[in-house]
Amino acid sequence: MGRYIKEGNGWRLGWNAEAPTYQGLIAGEDWSIELTQSEFQDFCDLVQQLSGMMSQMTNELMEAERIAVEAETERIWLEVEGFPHRYSLHVIVQTGRCCEGSWSEDAVVELLQAIPRLTLF
């Protein structure tokens, strides 16, 4: 599979299939976290799940109403917070390393567009 890096303003996703333990990488403006394949898959799945939930909320909320929604597996916890069409994203890795990071609303827009184009699994 090789190595892949996708990046934009305030975000980066990486994959190295040959890495012995941590094949995935998620990063923000000034932080990065290496993830196992399972953690990275959970991250991608949960981001898409939360994005879908936020889209569904568009017709349920008033224009100026903000919302926070979270989802988790035993490995990854994610929260989106903001408006259904524009929100920030926060991640906590719940296994071993116990680390966290977040992306601004601007970075999340591009990050969401990149995840479906990943063809790593």
PDB file of N, CA and C in Angstrom:
ATOM      1  N   MET A   1       0.809  -1.202   0.000  1.00  0.00           N
ATOM      2  CA  MET A   1       0.000   0.000   0.000  1.00  0.00           C
ATOM      3  C   MET A   1       0.849   1.262   0.000  1.00  0.00           C
ATOM      4  N   GLY A   2       1.948   1.275   0.746  1.00  0.00           N
ATOM      5  CA  GLY A   2       2.816   2.434   0.727  1.00  0.00           C
ATOM      6  C   GLY A   2       2.456   3.487   1.755  1.00  0.00           C
ATOM      7  N   ARG A   3       2.973   4.694   1.493  1.00  0.00           N
ATOM      8  CA  ARG A   3       2.758   5.830   2.392  1.00  0.00           C
ATOM      9  C   ARG A   3       1.910   6.876   1.689  1.00  0.00           C
ATOM     10  N   TYR A   4       0.993   7.461   2.456  1.00  0.00           N
ATOM     11  CA  TYR A   4       0.126   8.514   1.935  1.00  0.00           C
ATOM     12  C   TYR A   4       0.073   9.653   2.943  1.00  0.00           C
ATOM     13  N   ILE A   5       0.072  10.864   2.457  1.00  0.00           N
ATOM     14  CA  ILE A   5      -0.167  12.039   3.293  1.00  0.00           C
ATOM     15  C   ILE A   5      -1.154  12.918   2.544  1.00  0.00           C
ATOM     16  N   LYS A   6      -2.221  13.279   3.202  1.00  0.00           N
ATOM     17  CA  LYS A   6      -3.170  14.255   2.676  1.00  0.00           C
ATOM     18  C   LYS A   6      -3.188  15.392   3.682  1.00  0.00           C
ATOM     19  N   GLU A   7      -3.115  16.620   3.179  1.00  0.00           N
ATOM     20  CA  GLU A   7      -3.100  17.740   4.117  1.00  0.00           C
ATOM     21  C   GLU A   7      -3.731  18.974   3.504  1.00  0.00           C
ATOM     22  N   GLY A   8      -4.123  19.843   4.398  1.00  0.00           N
ATOM     23  CA  GLY A   8      -4.733  21.101   4.009  1.00  0.00           C
ATOM     24  C   GLY A   8      -4.475  22.128   5.099  1.00  0.00           C
ATOM     25  N   ASN A   9      -5.232  23.180   5.071  1.00  0.00           N
ATOM     26  CA  ASN A   9      -5.064  24.268   6.020  1.00  0.00           C
ATOM     27  C   ASN A   9      -5.505  23.825   7.420  1.00  0.00           C
ATOM     28  N   GLY A  10      -4.536  23.537   8.301  1.00  0.00           N
ATOM     29  CA  GLY A  10      -4.852  23.177   9.679  1.00  0.00           C
ATOM     30  C   GLY A  10      -5.131  21.712   9.931  1.00  0.00           C
ATOM     31  N   TRP A  11      -4.868  20.833   8.968  1.00  0.00           N
ATOM     32  CA  TRP A  11      -5.101  19.400   9.167  1.00  0.00           C
ATOM     33  C   TRP A  11      -4.135  18.580   8.313  1.00  0.00           C
ATOM     34  N   ARG A  12      -3.947  17.324   8.738  1.00  0.00           N
ATOM     35  CA  ARG A  12      -3.140  16.373   7.969  1.00  0.00           C
ATOM     36  C   ARG A  12      -3.576  14.969   8.348  1.00  0.00           C
ATOM     37  N   LEU A  13      -3.680  14.094   7.361  1.00  0.00           N
ATOM     38  CA  LEU A  13      -3.943  12.675   7.564  1.00  0.00           C
ATOM     39  C   LEU A  13      -2.823  11.905   6.890  1.00  0.00           C
ATOM     40  N   GLY A  14      -2.340  10.872   7.547  1.00  0.00           N
ATOM     41  CA  GLY A  14      -1.268  10.088   6.957  1.00  0.00           C
ATOM     42  C   GLY A  14      -1.482   8.605   7.159  1.00  0.00           C
ATOM     43  N   TRP A  15      -0.847   7.830   6.289  1.00  0.00           N
ATOM     44  CA  TRP A  15      -0.932   6.380   6.382  1.00  0.00           C
ATOM     45  C   TRP A  15       0.379   5.775   5.918  1.00  0.00           C
ATOM     46  N   ASN A  16       0.925   4.871   6.714  1.00  0.00           N
ATOM     47  CA  ASN A  16       2.130   4.131   6.350  1.00  0.00           C
ATOM     48  C   ASN A  16       1.855   2.662   6.643  1.00  0.00           C
ATOM     49  N   ALA A  17       1.500   1.911   5.614  1.00  0.00           N
ATOM     50  CA  ALA A  17       1.118   0.510   5.778  1.00  0.00           C
ATOM     51  C   ALA A  17       2.253  -0.352   6.311  1.00  0.00           C
ATOM     52  N   GLU A  18       3.482   0.091   6.151  1.00  0.00           N
ATOM     53  CA  GLU A  18       4.618  -0.713   6.581  1.00  0.00           C
ATOM     54  C   GLU A  18       5.081  -0.405   8.002  1.00  0.00           C
ATOM     55  N   ALA A  19       4.474   0.559   8.650  1.00  0.00           N
ATOM     56  CA  ALA A  19       4.841   0.867  10.033  1.00  0.00           C
ATOM     57  C   ALA A  19       4.436  -0.299  10.929  1.00  0.00           C
ATOM     58  N   PRO A  20       5.274  -0.675  11.879  1.00  0.00           N
ATOM     59  CA  PRO A  20       4.978  -1.865  12.681  1.00  0.00           C
ATOM     60  C   PRO A  20       3.773  -1.742  13.610  1.00  0.00           C
ATOM     61  N   THR A  21       3.525  -0.581  14.185  1.00  0.00           N
ATOM     62  CA  THR A  21       2.429  -0.436  15.154  1.00  0.00           C
ATOM     63  C   THR A  21       1.444   0.647  14.770  1.00  0.00           C
ATOM     64  N   TYR A  22       1.943   1.826  14.500  1.00  0.00           N
ATOM     65  CA  TYR A  22       1.085   2.982  14.256  1.00  0.00           C
ATOM     66  C   TYR A  22       1.121   3.343  12.772  1.00  0.00           C
ATOM     67  N   GLN A  23       0.133   2.853  12.040  1.00  0.00           N
ATOM     68  CA  GLN A  23       0.088   3.087  10.602  1.00  0.00           C
ATOM     69  C   GLN A  23      -0.554   4.421  10.243  1.00  0.00           C
ATOM     70  N   GLY A  24      -1.441   4.921  11.082  1.00  0.00           N
ATOM     71  CA  GLY A  24      -2.181   6.142  10.779  1.00  0.00           C
ATOM     72  C   GLY A  24      -1.615   7.360  11.477  1.00  0.00           C
ATOM     73  N   LEU A  25      -1.932   8.521  10.925  1.00  0.00           N
ATOM     74  CA  LEU A  25      -1.529   9.794  11.507  1.00  0.00           C
ATOM     75  C   LEU A  25      -2.680  10.770  11.338  1.00  0.00           C
ATOM     76  N   ILE A  26      -3.023  11.447  12.416  1.00  0.00           N
ATOM     77  CA  ILE A  26      -3.955  12.574  12.348  1.00  0.00           C
ATOM     78  C   ILE A  26      -3.218  13.761  12.953  1.00  0.00           C
ATOM     79  N   ALA A  27      -3.433  14.937  12.390  1.00  0.00           N
ATOM     80  CA  ALA A  27      -2.699  16.097  12.879  1.00  0.00           C
ATOM     81  C   ALA A  27      -3.508  17.358  12.654  1.00  0.00           C
ATOM     82  N   GLY A  28      -3.240  18.327  13.513  1.00  0.00           N
ATOM     83  CA  GLY A  28      -3.824  19.654  13.398  1.00  0.00           C
ATOM     84  C   GLY A  28      -2.734  20.665  13.124  1.00  0.00           C
ATOM     85  N   GLU A  29      -3.017  21.897  13.453  1.00  0.00           N
ATOM     86  CA  GLU A  29      -2.076  22.989  13.198  1.00  0.00           C
ATOM     87  C   GLU A  29      -0.740  22.792  13.905  1.00  0.00           C
ATOM     88  N   ASP A  30      -0.778  22.398  15.186  1.00  0.00           N
ATOM     89  CA  ASP A  30       0.464  22.276  15.946  1.00  0.00           C
ATOM     90  C   ASP A  30       0.515  21.023  16.813  1.00  0.00           C
ATOM     91  N   TRP A  31      -0.093  19.946  16.346  1.00  0.00           N
ATOM     92  CA  TRP A  31      -0.087  18.681  17.077  1.00  0.00           C
ATOM     93  C   TRP A  31      -0.239  17.531  16.085  1.00  0.00           C
ATOM     94  N   SER A  32       0.151  16.340  16.501  1.00  0.00           N
ATOM     95  CA  SER A  32      -0.079  15.136  15.695  1.00  0.00           C
ATOM     96  C   SER A  32      -0.157  13.924  16.618  1.00  0.00           C
ATOM     97  N   ILE A  33      -0.882  12.916  16.167  1.00  0.00           N
ATOM     98  CA  ILE A  33      -1.048  11.673  16.915  1.00  0.00           C
ATOM     99  C   ILE A  33      -0.934  10.520  15.924  1.00  0.00           C
ATOM    100  N   GLU A  34      -0.104   9.546  16.247  1.00  0.00           N
ATOM    101  CA  GLU A  34      -0.047   8.334  15.445  1.00  0.00           C
ATOM    102  C   GLU A  34      -1.113   7.373  15.951  1.00  0.00           C
ATOM    103  N   LEU A  35      -1.768   6.671  15.022  1.00  0.00           N
ATOM    104  CA  LEU A  35      -2.845   5.753  15.365  1.00  0.00           C
ATOM    105  C   LEU A  35      -2.578   4.365  14.790  1.00  0.00           C
ATOM    106  N   THR A  36      -3.069   3.346  15.490  1.00  0.00           N
ATOM    107  CA  THR A  36      -3.041   1.997  14.925  1.00  0.00           C
ATOM    108  C   THR A  36      -4.056   1.939  13.783  1.00  0.00           C
ATOM    109  N   GLN A  37      -4.022   0.861  13.015  1.00  0.00           N
ATOM    110  CA  GLN A  37      -4.985   0.714  11.928  1.00  0.00           C
ATOM    111  C   GLN A  37      -6.419   0.748  12.455  1.00  0.00           C
ATOM    112  N   SER A  38      -6.689   0.055  13.560  1.00  0.00           N
ATOM    113  CA  SER A  38      -8.041   0.031  14.137  1.00  0.00           C
ATOM    114  C   SER A  38      -8.469   1.406  14.622  1.00  0.00           C
ATOM    115  N   GLU A  39      -7.569   2.121  15.262  1.00  0.00           N
ATOM    116  CA  GLU A  39      -7.888   3.473  15.729  1.00  0.00           C
ATOM    117  C   GLU A  39      -8.167   4.402  14.549  1.00  0.00           C
ATOM    118  N   PHE A  40      -7.351   4.284  13.513  1.00  0.00           N
ATOM    119  CA  PHE A  40      -7.526   5.140  12.338  1.00  0.00           C
ATOM    120  C   PHE A  40      -8.845   4.838  11.633  1.00  0.00           C
ATOM    121  N   GLN A  41      -9.183   3.562  11.520  1.00  0.00           N
ATOM    122  CA  GLN A  41     -10.458   3.180  10.911  1.00  0.00           C
ATOM    123  C   GLN A  41     -11.624   3.709  11.740  1.00  0.00           C
ATOM    124  N   ASP A  42     -11.542   3.573  13.068  1.00  0.00           N
ATOM    125  CA  ASP A  42     -12.587   4.115  13.944  1.00  0.00           C
ATOM    126  C   ASP A  42     -12.716   5.620  13.758  1.00  0.00           C
ATOM    127  N   PHE A  43     -11.570   6.306  13.703  1.00  0.00           N
ATOM    128  CA  PHE A  43     -11.588   7.751  13.516  1.00  0.00           C
ATOM    129  C   PHE A  43     -12.333   8.118  12.234  1.00  0.00           C
ATOM    130  N   CYS A  44     -11.962   7.501  11.122  1.00  0.00           N
ATOM    131  CA  CYS A  44     -12.601   7.820   9.838  1.00  0.00           C
ATOM    132  C   CYS A  44     -14.097   7.511   9.866  1.00  0.00           C
ATOM    133  N   ASP A  45     -14.464   6.357  10.411  1.00  0.00           N
ATOM    134  CA  ASP A  45     -15.880   5.978  10.489  1.00  0.00           C
ATOM    135  C   ASP A  45     -16.678   6.950  11.361  1.00  0.00           C
ATOM    136  N   LEU A  46     -16.136   7.300  12.527  1.00  0.00           N
ATOM    137  CA  LEU A  46     -16.858   8.191  13.438  1.00  0.00           C
ATOM    138  C   LEU A  46     -16.981   9.606  12.876  1.00  0.00           C
ATOM    139  N   VAL A  47     -15.947  10.087  12.205  1.00  0.00           N
ATOM    140  CA  VAL A  47     -16.038  11.422  11.598  1.00  0.00           C
ATOM    141  C   VAL A  47     -17.169  11.456  10.583  1.00  0.00           C
ATOM    142  N   GLN A  48     -17.259  10.441   9.751  1.00  0.00           N
ATOM    143  CA  GLN A  48     -18.324  10.405   8.750  1.00  0.00           C
ATOM    144  C   GLN A  48     -19.692  10.254   9.403  1.00  0.00           C
ATOM    145  N   GLN A  49     -19.784   9.463  10.458  1.00  0.00           N
ATOM    146  CA  GLN A  49     -21.035   9.304  11.188  1.00  0.00           C
ATOM    147  C   GLN A  49     -21.491  10.637  11.786  1.00  0.00           C
ATOM    148  N   LEU A  50     -20.587  11.339  12.430  1.00  0.00           N
ATOM    149  CA  LEU A  50     -20.937  12.625  13.034  1.00  0.00           C
ATOM    150  C   LEU A  50     -21.286  13.665  11.972  1.00  0.00           C
ATOM    151  N   SER A  51     -20.594  13.644  10.872  1.00  0.00           N
ATOM    152  CA  SER A  51     -20.908  14.565   9.780  1.00  0.00           C
ATOM    153  C   SER A  51     -22.335  14.332   9.275  1.00  0.00           C
ATOM    154  N   GLY A  52     -22.709  13.075   9.135  1.00  0.00           N
ATOM    155  CA  GLY A  52     -24.073  12.751   8.716  1.00  0.00           C
ATOM    156  C   GLY A  52     -25.111  13.204   9.729  1.00  0.00           C
ATOM    157  N   MET A  53     -24.801  13.031  10.999  1.00  0.00           N
ATOM    158  CA  MET A  53     -25.721  13.468  12.047  1.00  0.00           C
ATOM    159  C   MET A  53     -25.893  14.986  12.028  1.00  0.00           C
ATOM    160  N   MET A  54     -24.796  15.701  11.824  1.00  0.00           N
ATOM    161  CA  MET A  54     -24.883  17.170  11.774  1.00  0.00           C
ATOM    162  C   MET A  54     -25.707  17.609  10.565  1.00  0.00           C
ATOM    163  N   SER A  55     -25.532  16.950   9.442  1.00  0.00           N
ATOM    164  CA  SER A  55     -26.331  17.290   8.254  1.00  0.00           C
ATOM    165  C   SER A  55     -27.816  17.086   8.515  1.00  0.00           C
ATOM    166  N   GLN A  56     -28.161  16.018   9.217  1.00  0.00           N
ATOM    167  CA  GLN A  56     -29.560  15.747   9.542  1.00  0.00           C
ATOM    168  C   GLN A  56     -30.149  16.806  10.455  1.00  0.00           C
ATOM    169  N   MET A  57     -29.322  17.444  11.259  1.00  0.00           N
ATOM    170  CA  MET A  57     -29.801  18.450  12.206  1.00  0.00           C
ATOM    171  C   MET A  57     -30.121  19.784  11.539  1.00  0.00           C
ATOM    172  N   THR A  58     -29.726  19.968  10.308  1.00  0.00           N
ATOM    173  CA  THR A  58     -29.935  21.243   9.625  1.00  0.00           C
ATOM    174  C   THR A  58     -31.383  21.692   9.690  1.00  0.00           C
ATOM    175  N   ASN A  59     -32.323  20.799   9.472  1.00  0.00           N
ATOM    176  CA  ASN A  59     -33.746  21.152   9.475  1.00  0.00           C
ATOM    177  C   ASN A  59     -34.366  21.138  10.867  1.00  0.00           C
ATOM    178  N   GLU A  60     -33.631  20.650  11.862  1.00  0.00           N
ATOM    179  CA  GLU A  60     -34.160  20.529  13.214  1.00  0.00           C
ATOM    180  C   GLU A  60     -33.851  21.747  14.090  1.00  0.00           C
ATOM    181  N   LEU A  61     -32.820  22.493  13.739  1.00  0.00           N
ATOM    182  CA  LEU A  61     -32.361  23.587  14.595  1.00  0.00           C
ATOM    183  C   LEU A  61     -32.636  24.941  13.955  1.00  0.00           C
ATOM    184  N   MET A  62     -32.758  25.951  14.799  1.00  0.00           N
ATOM    185  CA  MET A  62     -32.865  27.304  14.291  1.00  0.00           C
ATOM    186  C   MET A  62     -31.500  27.734  13.759  1.00  0.00           C
ATOM    187  N   GLU A  63     -31.488  28.716  12.891  1.00  0.00           N
ATOM    188  CA  GLU A  63     -30.256  29.135  12.221  1.00  0.00           C
ATOM    189  C   GLU A  63     -29.125  29.488  13.186  1.00  0.00           C
ATOM    190  N   ALA A  64     -29.423  30.133  14.294  1.00  0.00           N
ATOM    191  CA  ALA A  64     -28.398  30.581  15.235  1.00  0.00           C
ATOM    192  C   ALA A  64     -28.125  29.563  16.349  1.00  0.00           C
ATOM    193  N   GLU A  65     -28.726  28.382  16.270  1.00  0.00           N
ATOM    194  CA  GLU A  65     -28.595  27.393  17.336  1.00  0.00           C
ATOM    195  C   GLU A  65     -27.389  26.486  17.106  1.00  0.00           C
ATOM    196  N   ARG A  66     -26.541  26.389  18.140  1.00  0.00           N
ATOM    197  CA  ARG A  66     -25.353  25.535  18.102  1.00  0.00           C
ATOM    198  C   ARG A  66     -25.674  24.200  18.772  1.00  0.00           C
ATOM    199  N   ILE A  67     -24.888  23.181  18.425  1.00  0.00           N
ATOM    200  CA  ILE A  67     -25.102  21.861  18.995  1.00  0.00           C
ATOM    201  C   ILE A  67     -23.762  21.163  19.181  1.00  0.00           C
ATOM    202  N   ALA A  68     -23.707  20.246  20.129  1.00  0.00           N
ATOM    203  CA  ALA A  68     -22.548  19.381  20.316  1.00  0.00           C
ATOM    204  C   ALA A  68     -23.030  17.937  20.237  1.00  0.00           C
ATOM    205  N   VAL A  69     -22.327  17.139  19.458  1.00  0.00           N
ATOM    206  CA  VAL A  69     -22.678  15.727  19.288  1.00  0.00           C
ATOM    207  C   VAL A  69     -21.386  14.924  19.434  1.00  0.00           C
ATOM    208  N   GLU A  70     -21.470  13.804  20.118  1.00  0.00           N
ATOM    209  CA  GLU A  70     -20.293  12.972  20.289  1.00  0.00           C
ATOM    210  C   GLU A  70     -20.568  11.527  19.910  1.00  0.00           C
ATOM    211  N   ALA A  71     -19.496  10.817  19.595  1.00  0.00           N
ATOM    212  CA  ALA A  71     -19.561   9.392  19.267  1.00  0.00           C
ATOM    213  C   ALA A  71     -18.243   8.768  19.705  1.00  0.00           C
ATOM    214  N   GLU A  72     -18.292   7.469  20.023  1.00  0.00           N
ATOM    215  CA  GLU A  72     -17.064   6.831  20.462  1.00  0.00           C
ATOM    216  C   GLU A  72     -17.073   5.336  20.223  1.00  0.00           C
ATOM    217  N   THR A  73     -15.880   4.792  20.197  1.00  0.00           N
ATOM    218  CA  THR A  73     -15.643   3.355  20.265  1.00  0.00           C
ATOM    219  C   THR A  73     -14.776   3.143  21.494  1.00  0.00           C
ATOM    220  N   GLU A  74     -14.357   1.926  21.741  1.00  0.00           N
ATOM    221  CA  GLU A  74     -13.464   1.706  22.877  1.00  0.00           C
ATOM    222  C   GLU A  74     -12.087   2.327  22.641  1.00  0.00           C
ATOM    223  N   ARG A  75     -11.799   2.710  21.380  1.00  0.00           N
ATOM    224  CA  ARG A  75     -10.485   3.260  21.048  1.00  0.00           C
ATOM    225  C   ARG A  75     -10.457   4.772  20.850  1.00  0.00           C
ATOM    226  N   ILE A  76     -11.534   5.330  20.309  1.00  0.00           N
ATOM    227  CA  ILE A  76     -11.555   6.740  19.895  1.00  0.00           C
ATOM    228  C   ILE A  76     -12.841   7.407  20.383  1.00  0.00           C
ATOM    229  N   TRP A  77     -12.734   8.656  20.850  1.00  0.00           N
ATOM    230  CA  TRP A  77     -13.899   9.485  21.197  1.00  0.00           C
ATOM    231  C   TRP A  77     -13.808  10.748  20.356  1.00  0.00           C
ATOM    232  N   LEU A  78     -14.922  11.127  19.738  1.00  0.00           N
ATOM    233  CA  LEU A  78     -14.990  12.339  18.922  1.00  0.00           C
ATOM    234  C   LEU A  78     -16.175  13.189  19.340  1.00  0.00           C
ATOM    235  N   GLU A  79     -16.001  14.503  19.209  1.00  0.00           N
ATOM    236  CA  GLU A  79     -17.102  15.437  19.434  1.00  0.00           C
ATOM    237  C   GLU A  79     -17.037  16.518  18.367  1.00  0.00           C
ATOM    238  N   VAL A  80     -18.198  16.826  17.804  1.00  0.00           N
ATOM    239  CA  VAL A  80     -18.324  17.990  16.935  1.00  0.00           C
ATOM    240  C   VAL A  80     -19.144  19.021  17.689  1.00  0.00           C
ATOM    241  N   GLU A  81     -18.801  20.304  17.500  1.00  0.00           N
ATOM    242  CA  GLU A  81     -19.511  21.366  18.205  1.00  0.00           C
ATOM    243  C   GLU A  81     -19.600  22.576  17.296  1.00  0.00           C
ATOM    244  N   GLY A  82     -20.824  23.079  17.155  1.00  0.00           N
ATOM    245  CA  GLY A  82     -21.040  24.261  16.336  1.00  0.00           C
ATOM    246  C   GLY A  82     -22.397  24.222  15.661  1.00  0.00           C
ATOM    247  N   PHE A  83     -22.446  24.758  14.472  1.00  0.00           N
ATOM    248  CA  PHE A  83     -23.659  24.783  13.677  1.00  0.00           C
ATOM    249  C   PHE A  83     -23.681  23.562  12.762  1.00  0.00           C
ATOM    250  N   PRO A  84     -24.861  23.111  12.339  1.00  0.00           N
ATOM    251  CA  PRO A  84     -24.913  21.919  11.494  1.00  0.00           C
ATOM    252  C   PRO A  84     -24.072  22.010  10.219  1.00  0.00           C
ATOM    253  N   HIS A  85     -23.855  23.197   9.714  1.00  0.00           N
ATOM    254  CA  HIS A  85     -23.101  23.359   8.469  1.00  0.00           C
ATOM    255  C   HIS A  85     -21.649  23.782   8.712  1.00  0.00           C
ATOM    256  N   ARG A  86     -21.285  24.043   9.985  1.00  0.00           N
ATOM    257  CA  ARG A  86     -19.927  24.532  10.281  1.00  0.00           C
ATOM    258  C   ARG A  86     -19.619  24.254  11.754  1.00  0.00           C
ATOM    259  N   TYR A  87     -18.657  23.371  11.993  1.00  0.00           N
ATOM    260  CA  TYR A  87     -18.383  22.955  13.368  1.00  0.00           C
ATOM    261  C   TYR A  87     -16.927  22.547  13.542  1.00  0.00           C
ATOM    262  N   SER A  88     -16.492  22.563  14.792  1.00  0.00           N
ATOM    263  CA  SER A  88     -15.151  22.108  15.147  1.00  0.00           C
ATOM    264  C   SER A  88     -15.211  20.614  15.484  1.00  0.00           C
ATOM    265  N   LEU A  89     -14.050  19.996  15.557  1.00  0.00           N
ATOM    266  CA  LEU A  89     -13.947  18.561  15.827  1.00  0.00           C
ATOM    267  C   LEU A  89     -12.876  18.338  16.883  1.00  0.00           C
ATOM    268  N   HIS A  90     -13.190  17.519  17.878  1.00  0.00           N
ATOM    269  CA  HIS A  90     -12.267  17.200  18.969  1.00  0.00           C
ATOM    270  C   HIS A  90     -12.125  15.682  19.034  1.00  0.00           C
ATOM    271  N   VAL A  91     -10.902  15.190  19.196  1.00  0.00           N
ATOM    272  CA  VAL A  91     -10.639  13.751  19.261  1.00  0.00           C
ATOM    273  C   VAL A  91      -9.844  13.421  20.518  1.00  0.00           C
ATOM    274  N   ILE A  92     -10.180  12.294  21.129  1.00  0.00           N
ATOM    275  CA  ILE A  92      -9.394  11.739  22.230  1.00  0.00           C
ATOM    276  C   ILE A  92      -9.130  10.279  21.905  1.00  0.00           C
ATOM    277  N   VAL A  93      -7.857   9.894  21.963  1.00  0.00           N
ATOM    278  CA  VAL A  93      -7.476   8.492  21.804  1.00  0.00           C
ATOM    279  C   VAL A  93      -7.564   7.870  23.189  1.00  0.00           C
ATOM    280  N   GLN A  94      -8.344   6.805  23.301  1.00  0.00           N
ATOM    281  CA  GLN A  94      -8.648   6.238  24.617  1.00  0.00           C
ATOM    282  C   GLN A  94      -7.827   4.996  24.939  1.00  0.00           C
ATOM    283  N   THR A  95      -6.882   4.646  24.086  1.00  0.00           N
ATOM    284  CA  THR A  95      -6.085   3.449  24.321  1.00  0.00           C
ATOM    285  C   THR A  95      -4.646   3.827  24.605  1.00  0.00           C
ATOM    286  N   GLY A  96      -4.066   3.228  25.604  1.00  0.00           N
ATOM    287  CA  GLY A  96      -2.652   3.359  25.909  1.00  0.00           C
ATOM    288  C   GLY A  96      -2.110   4.766  26.031  1.00  0.00           C
ATOM    289  N   ARG A  97      -2.034   5.481  24.916  1.00  0.00           N
ATOM    290  CA  ARG A  97      -1.377   6.780  24.887  1.00  0.00           C
ATOM    291  C   ARG A  97      -2.232   7.896  25.454  1.00  0.00           C
ATOM    292  N   CYS A  98      -3.515   7.777  25.421  1.00  0.00           N
ATOM    293  CA  CYS A  98      -4.438   8.780  25.957  1.00  0.00           C
ATOM    294  C   CYS A  98      -4.054  10.198  25.544  1.00  0.00           C
ATOM    295  N   CYS A  99      -4.177  10.511  24.274  1.00  0.00           N
ATOM    296  CA  CYS A  99      -3.842  11.832  23.757  1.00  0.00           C
ATOM    297  C   CYS A  99      -5.060  12.437  23.079  1.00  0.00           C
ATOM    298  N   GLU A 100      -4.985  13.736  22.798  1.00  0.00           N
ATOM    299  CA  GLU A 100      -6.122  14.406  22.186  1.00  0.00           C
ATOM    300  C   GLU A 100      -5.671  15.554  21.303  1.00  0.00           C
ATOM    301  N   GLY A 101      -6.609  15.981  20.450  1.00  0.00           N
ATOM    302  CA  GLY A 101      -6.371  17.108  19.566  1.00  0.00           C
ATOM    303  C   GLY A 101      -7.701  17.639  19.055  1.00  0.00           C
ATOM    304  N   SER A 102      -7.640  18.757  18.347  1.00  0.00           N
ATOM    305  CA  SER A 102      -8.874  19.337  17.802  1.00  0.00           C
ATOM    306  C   SER A 102      -8.564  20.107  16.530  1.00  0.00           C
ATOM    307  N   TRP A 103      -9.601  20.285  15.730  1.00  0.00           N
ATOM    308  CA  TRP A 103      -9.521  21.028  14.487  1.00  0.00           C
ATOM    309  C   TRP A 103     -10.542  22.158  14.517  1.00  0.00           C
ATOM    310  N   SER A 104     -10.184  23.285  13.941  1.00  0.00           N
ATOM    311  CA  SER A 104     -11.091  24.428  13.842  1.00  0.00           C
ATOM    312  C   SER A 104     -12.170  24.148  12.807  1.00  0.00           C
ATOM    313  N   GLU A 105     -13.170  24.991  12.806  1.00  0.00           N
ATOM    314  CA  GLU A 105     -14.253  24.866  11.828  1.00  0.00           C
ATOM    315  C   GLU A 105     -13.722  24.893  10.401  1.00  0.00           C
ATOM    316  N   ASP A 106     -12.762  25.771  10.130  1.00  0.00           N
ATOM    317  CA  ASP A 106     -12.206  25.869   8.776  1.00  0.00           C
ATOM    318  C   ASP A 106     -11.495  24.582   8.365  1.00  0.00           C
ATOM    319  N   ALA A 107     -10.717  24.007   9.265  1.00  0.00           N
ATOM    320  CA  ALA A 107      -9.990  22.784   8.955  1.00  0.00           C
ATOM    321  C   ALA A 107     -10.939  21.602   8.747  1.00  0.00           C
ATOM    322  N   VAL A 108     -12.026  21.551   9.523  1.00  0.00           N
ATOM    323  CA  VAL A 108     -12.961  20.425   9.445  1.00  0.00           C
ATOM    324  C   VAL A 108     -13.613  20.334   8.062  1.00  0.00           C
ATOM    325  N   VAL A 109     -13.904  21.458   7.460  1.00  0.00           N
ATOM    326  CA  VAL A 109     -14.520  21.460   6.133  1.00  0.00           C
ATOM    327  C   VAL A 109     -13.661  20.657   5.155  1.00  0.00           C
ATOM    328  N   GLU A 110     -12.360  20.933   5.118  1.00  0.00           N
ATOM    329  CA  GLU A 110     -11.455  20.220   4.209  1.00  0.00           C
ATOM    330  C   GLU A 110     -11.216  18.781   4.657  1.00  0.00           C
ATOM    331  N   LEU A 111     -11.064  18.572   5.954  1.00  0.00           N
ATOM    332  CA  LEU A 111     -10.842  17.232   6.488  1.00  0.00           C
ATOM    333  C   LEU A 111     -11.980  16.296   6.098  1.00  0.00           C
ATOM    334  N   LEU A 112     -13.203  16.774   6.207  1.00  0.00           N
ATOM    335  CA  LEU A 112     -14.369  15.966   5.842  1.00  0.00           C
ATOM    336  C   LEU A 112     -14.366  15.587   4.369  1.00  0.00           C
ATOM    337  N   GLN A 113     -13.891  16.467   3.527  1.00  0.00           N
ATOM    338  CA  GLN A 113     -13.827  16.174   2.102  1.00  0.00           C
ATOM    339  C   GLN A 113     -12.743  15.155   1.786  1.00  0.00           C
ATOM    340  N   ALA A 114     -11.680  15.113   2.586  1.00  0.00           N
ATOM    341  CA  ALA A 114     -10.564  14.201   2.318  1.00  0.00           C
ATOM    342  C   ALA A 114     -10.831  12.770   2.770  1.00  0.00           C
ATOM    343  N   ILE A 115     -11.542  12.582   3.856  1.00  0.00           N
ATOM    344  CA  ILE A 115     -11.723  11.243   4.414  1.00  0.00           C
ATOM    345  C   ILE A 115     -12.381  10.265   3.440  1.00  0.00           C
ATOM    346  N   PRO A 116     -13.458  10.607   2.749  1.00  0.00           N
ATOM    347  CA  PRO A 116     -14.048   9.620   1.816  1.00  0.00           C
ATOM    348  C   PRO A 116     -13.113   9.243   0.666  1.00  0.00           C
ATOM    349  N   ARG A 117     -12.127  10.078   0.382  1.00  0.00           N
ATOM    350  CA  ARG A 117     -11.208   9.789  -0.713  1.00  0.00           C
ATOM    351  C   ARG A 117     -10.056   8.897  -0.281  1.00  0.00           C
ATOM    352  N   LEU A 118      -9.953   8.609   1.013  1.00  0.00           N
ATOM    353  CA  LEU A 118      -8.914   7.694   1.475  1.00  0.00           C
ATOM    354  C   LEU A 118      -9.258   6.281   1.031  1.00  0.00           C
ATOM    355  N   THR A 119      -8.342   5.628   0.430  1.00  0.00           N
ATOM    356  CA  THR A 119      -8.574   4.253  -0.032  1.00  0.00           C
ATOM    357  C   THR A 119      -7.509   3.350   0.567  1.00  0.00           C
ATOM    358  N   LEU A 120      -7.438   3.331   1.879  1.00  0.00           N
ATOM    359  CA  LEU A 120      -6.371   2.613   2.572  1.00  0.00           C
ATOM    360  C   LEU A 120      -6.767   1.238   3.044  1.00  0.00           C
ATOM    361  N   PHE A 121      -8.060   0.968   3.183  1.00  0.00           N
ATOM    362  CA  PHE A 121      -8.475  -0.286   3.806  1.00  0.00           C
ATOM    363  C   PHE A 121      -9.145  -1.193   2.801  1.00  0.00           C
TER     364      PHE A 121
END
